[in-house]
Amino acid sequence: MAMDINDLRSILTVAGLLCFLAIVWWAYGSKSSQKGFEEAANLPFAEGNDDGAAATSHRR
């Protein structure tokens, strides 16, 4: 029995689904990285004077 293009497509679909589920588990299920994600999510709300390019628009 020879593999055809539909077998390859099925294998790639299952592999893509497994990769997606692994990323979802890493992002939401892993308790060790939850603190880092929470800190990153709150960065836009952090107070401080940074010299970012978007914050320093000069008009002439």
N, C-alpha and C. Protein backbone atom coordinates (compact mmCIF):
# COMPACT_ATOMS: atom_id res chain seq x y z
N MET A 1 0.84 -1.18 0.00
CA MET A 1 0.00 0.00 0.00
C MET A 1 0.89 1.25 0.00
N ALA A 2 0.68 2.10 -0.94
CA ALA A 2 1.50 3.30 -1.09
C ALA A 2 0.78 4.50 -0.48
N MET A 3 1.59 5.41 0.04
CA MET A 3 1.02 6.65 0.59
C MET A 3 0.69 7.60 -0.54
N ASP A 4 -0.45 8.23 -0.44
CA ASP A 4 -0.77 9.26 -1.41
C ASP A 4 -0.84 10.61 -0.70
N ILE A 5 -1.20 11.65 -1.42
CA ILE A 5 -1.18 13.00 -0.87
C ILE A 5 -2.18 13.17 0.26
N ASN A 6 -3.29 12.44 0.22
CA ASN A 6 -4.30 12.57 1.28
C ASN A 6 -3.81 11.99 2.60
N ASP A 7 -3.00 10.94 2.56
CA ASP A 7 -2.41 10.40 3.78
C ASP A 7 -1.45 11.42 4.39
N LEU A 8 -0.67 12.06 3.56
CA LEU A 8 0.27 13.08 4.04
C LEU A 8 -0.49 14.26 4.65
N ARG A 9 -1.57 14.66 4.01
CA ARG A 9 -2.38 15.76 4.55
C ARG A 9 -2.99 15.39 5.89
N SER A 10 -3.43 14.17 6.04
CA SER A 10 -4.00 13.73 7.31
C SER A 10 -2.95 13.73 8.42
N ILE A 11 -1.76 13.24 8.10
CA ILE A 11 -0.68 13.22 9.09
C ILE A 11 -0.30 14.63 9.50
N LEU A 12 -0.20 15.55 8.55
CA LEU A 12 0.15 16.93 8.86
C LEU A 12 -0.96 17.62 9.66
N THR A 13 -2.21 17.29 9.40
CA THR A 13 -3.31 17.86 10.17
C THR A 13 -3.25 17.42 11.62
N VAL A 14 -3.01 16.14 11.84
CA VAL A 14 -2.90 15.62 13.22
C VAL A 14 -1.68 16.22 13.91
N ALA A 15 -0.56 16.34 13.20
CA ALA A 15 0.64 16.92 13.80
C ALA A 15 0.41 18.39 14.15
N GLY A 16 -0.29 19.13 13.29
CA GLY A 16 -0.61 20.53 13.58
C GLY A 16 -1.51 20.66 14.79
N LEU A 17 -2.50 19.77 14.90
CA LEU A 17 -3.39 19.79 16.06
C LEU A 17 -2.62 19.51 17.35
N LEU A 18 -1.71 18.55 17.31
CA LEU A 18 -0.91 18.24 18.49
C LEU A 18 0.00 19.40 18.88
N CYS A 19 0.57 20.09 17.91
CA CYS A 19 1.40 21.26 18.20
C CYS A 19 0.55 22.37 18.81
N PHE A 20 -0.64 22.59 18.27
CA PHE A 20 -1.53 23.60 18.82
C PHE A 20 -1.91 23.28 20.25
N LEU A 21 -2.25 22.05 20.53
CA LEU A 21 -2.62 21.66 21.89
C LEU A 21 -1.43 21.79 22.85
N ALA A 22 -0.23 21.49 22.37
CA ALA A 22 0.96 21.65 23.21
C ALA A 22 1.20 23.12 23.55
N ILE A 23 0.99 24.02 22.60
CA ILE A 23 1.17 25.45 22.86
C ILE A 23 0.10 25.94 23.84
N VAL A 24 -1.13 25.50 23.67
CA VAL A 24 -2.20 25.90 24.59
C VAL A 24 -1.90 25.39 25.99
N TRP A 25 -1.43 24.16 26.10
CA TRP A 25 -1.08 23.62 27.43
C TRP A 25 0.06 24.42 28.04
N TRP A 26 1.06 24.78 27.24
CA TRP A 26 2.19 25.55 27.75
C TRP A 26 1.75 26.93 28.23
N ALA A 27 0.85 27.55 27.49
CA ALA A 27 0.45 28.92 27.82
C ALA A 27 -0.52 28.96 29.00
N TYR A 28 -1.45 28.03 29.07
CA TYR A 28 -2.49 28.10 30.09
C TYR A 28 -2.36 27.06 31.18
N GLY A 29 -1.71 25.96 30.91
CA GLY A 29 -1.66 24.88 31.88
C GLY A 29 -0.42 24.84 32.73
N SER A 30 0.62 25.49 32.28
CA SER A 30 1.88 25.46 33.00
C SER A 30 1.88 26.51 34.11
N LYS A 31 1.88 26.06 35.34
CA LYS A 31 1.85 26.98 36.48
C LYS A 31 3.19 27.66 36.70
N SER A 32 4.28 27.07 36.22
CA SER A 32 5.60 27.66 36.46
C SER A 32 5.81 28.95 35.69
N SER A 33 5.19 29.08 34.52
CA SER A 33 5.38 30.29 33.74
C SER A 33 4.24 31.29 33.89
N GLN A 34 3.28 30.99 34.75
CA GLN A 34 2.12 31.87 34.92
C GLN A 34 2.52 33.23 35.47
N LYS A 35 3.46 33.28 36.40
CA LYS A 35 3.88 34.54 36.98
C LYS A 35 4.53 35.44 35.93
N GLY A 36 5.35 34.87 35.08
CA GLY A 36 5.98 35.65 34.02
C GLY A 36 4.97 36.19 33.03
N PHE A 37 3.95 35.40 32.70
CA PHE A 37 2.91 35.86 31.78
C PHE A 37 2.09 36.98 32.41
N GLU A 38 1.82 36.90 33.72
CA GLU A 38 1.06 37.95 34.39
C GLU A 38 1.86 39.25 34.42
N GLU A 39 3.15 39.16 34.67
CA GLU A 39 3.99 40.37 34.66
C GLU A 39 4.03 40.99 33.27
N ALA A 40 4.14 40.17 32.24
CA ALA A 40 4.18 40.68 30.88
C ALA A 40 2.84 41.31 30.49
N ALA A 41 1.75 40.76 30.98
CA ALA A 41 0.43 41.29 30.66
C ALA A 41 0.21 42.65 31.31
N ASN A 42 0.84 42.90 32.44
CA ASN A 42 0.66 44.16 33.16
C ASN A 42 1.69 45.22 32.79
N LEU A 43 2.61 44.93 31.90
CA LEU A 43 3.63 45.91 31.52
C LEU A 43 3.05 47.20 30.94
N PRO A 44 2.00 47.16 30.11
CA PRO A 44 1.47 48.43 29.59
C PRO A 44 0.91 49.34 30.67
N PHE A 45 0.55 48.78 31.81
CA PHE A 45 -0.05 49.57 32.88
C PHE A 45 0.96 50.01 33.93
N ALA A 46 2.20 49.62 33.78
CA ALA A 46 3.23 49.95 34.76
C ALA A 46 3.55 51.44 34.67
N GLU A 47 3.72 52.06 35.83
CA GLU A 47 4.06 53.47 35.86
C GLU A 47 5.56 53.62 35.74
N GLY A 48 5.95 54.70 35.17
CA GLY A 48 7.38 54.95 35.02
C GLY A 48 7.61 55.82 33.81
N ASN A 49 8.75 56.43 33.78
CA ASN A 49 9.10 57.30 32.67
C ASN A 49 10.10 56.57 31.78
N ASP A 50 9.60 55.96 30.75
CA ASP A 50 10.50 55.31 29.81
C ASP A 50 10.67 56.20 28.59
N ASP A 51 11.76 56.04 27.93
CA ASP A 51 12.06 56.85 26.75
C ASP A 51 11.79 56.06 25.48
N GLY A 52 10.58 55.52 25.38
CA GLY A 52 10.21 54.76 24.19
C GLY A 52 10.02 55.66 22.98
N ALA A 53 10.14 55.09 21.81
CA ALA A 53 10.03 55.87 20.58
C ALA A 53 8.62 56.42 20.38
N ALA A 54 7.61 55.68 20.79
CA ALA A 54 6.24 56.12 20.59
C ALA A 54 5.89 57.25 21.57
N ALA A 55 6.53 57.28 22.71
CA ALA A 55 6.20 58.27 23.73
C ALA A 55 6.91 59.60 23.49
N THR A 56 7.91 59.62 22.63
CA THR A 56 8.68 60.85 22.43
C THR A 56 8.44 61.39 21.02
N SER A 57 7.25 61.86 20.76
CA SER A 57 6.98 62.45 19.46
C SER A 57 7.12 63.97 19.59
N HIS A 58 8.03 64.52 18.82
CA HIS A 58 8.30 65.97 18.86
C HIS A 58 7.69 66.64 17.64
N ARG A 59 7.00 67.73 17.87
CA ARG A 59 6.43 68.50 16.75
C ARG A 59 7.27 69.75 16.54
N ARG A 60 7.45 70.10 15.30
CA ARG A 60 8.21 71.31 14.98
C ARG A 60 7.38 72.23 14.17
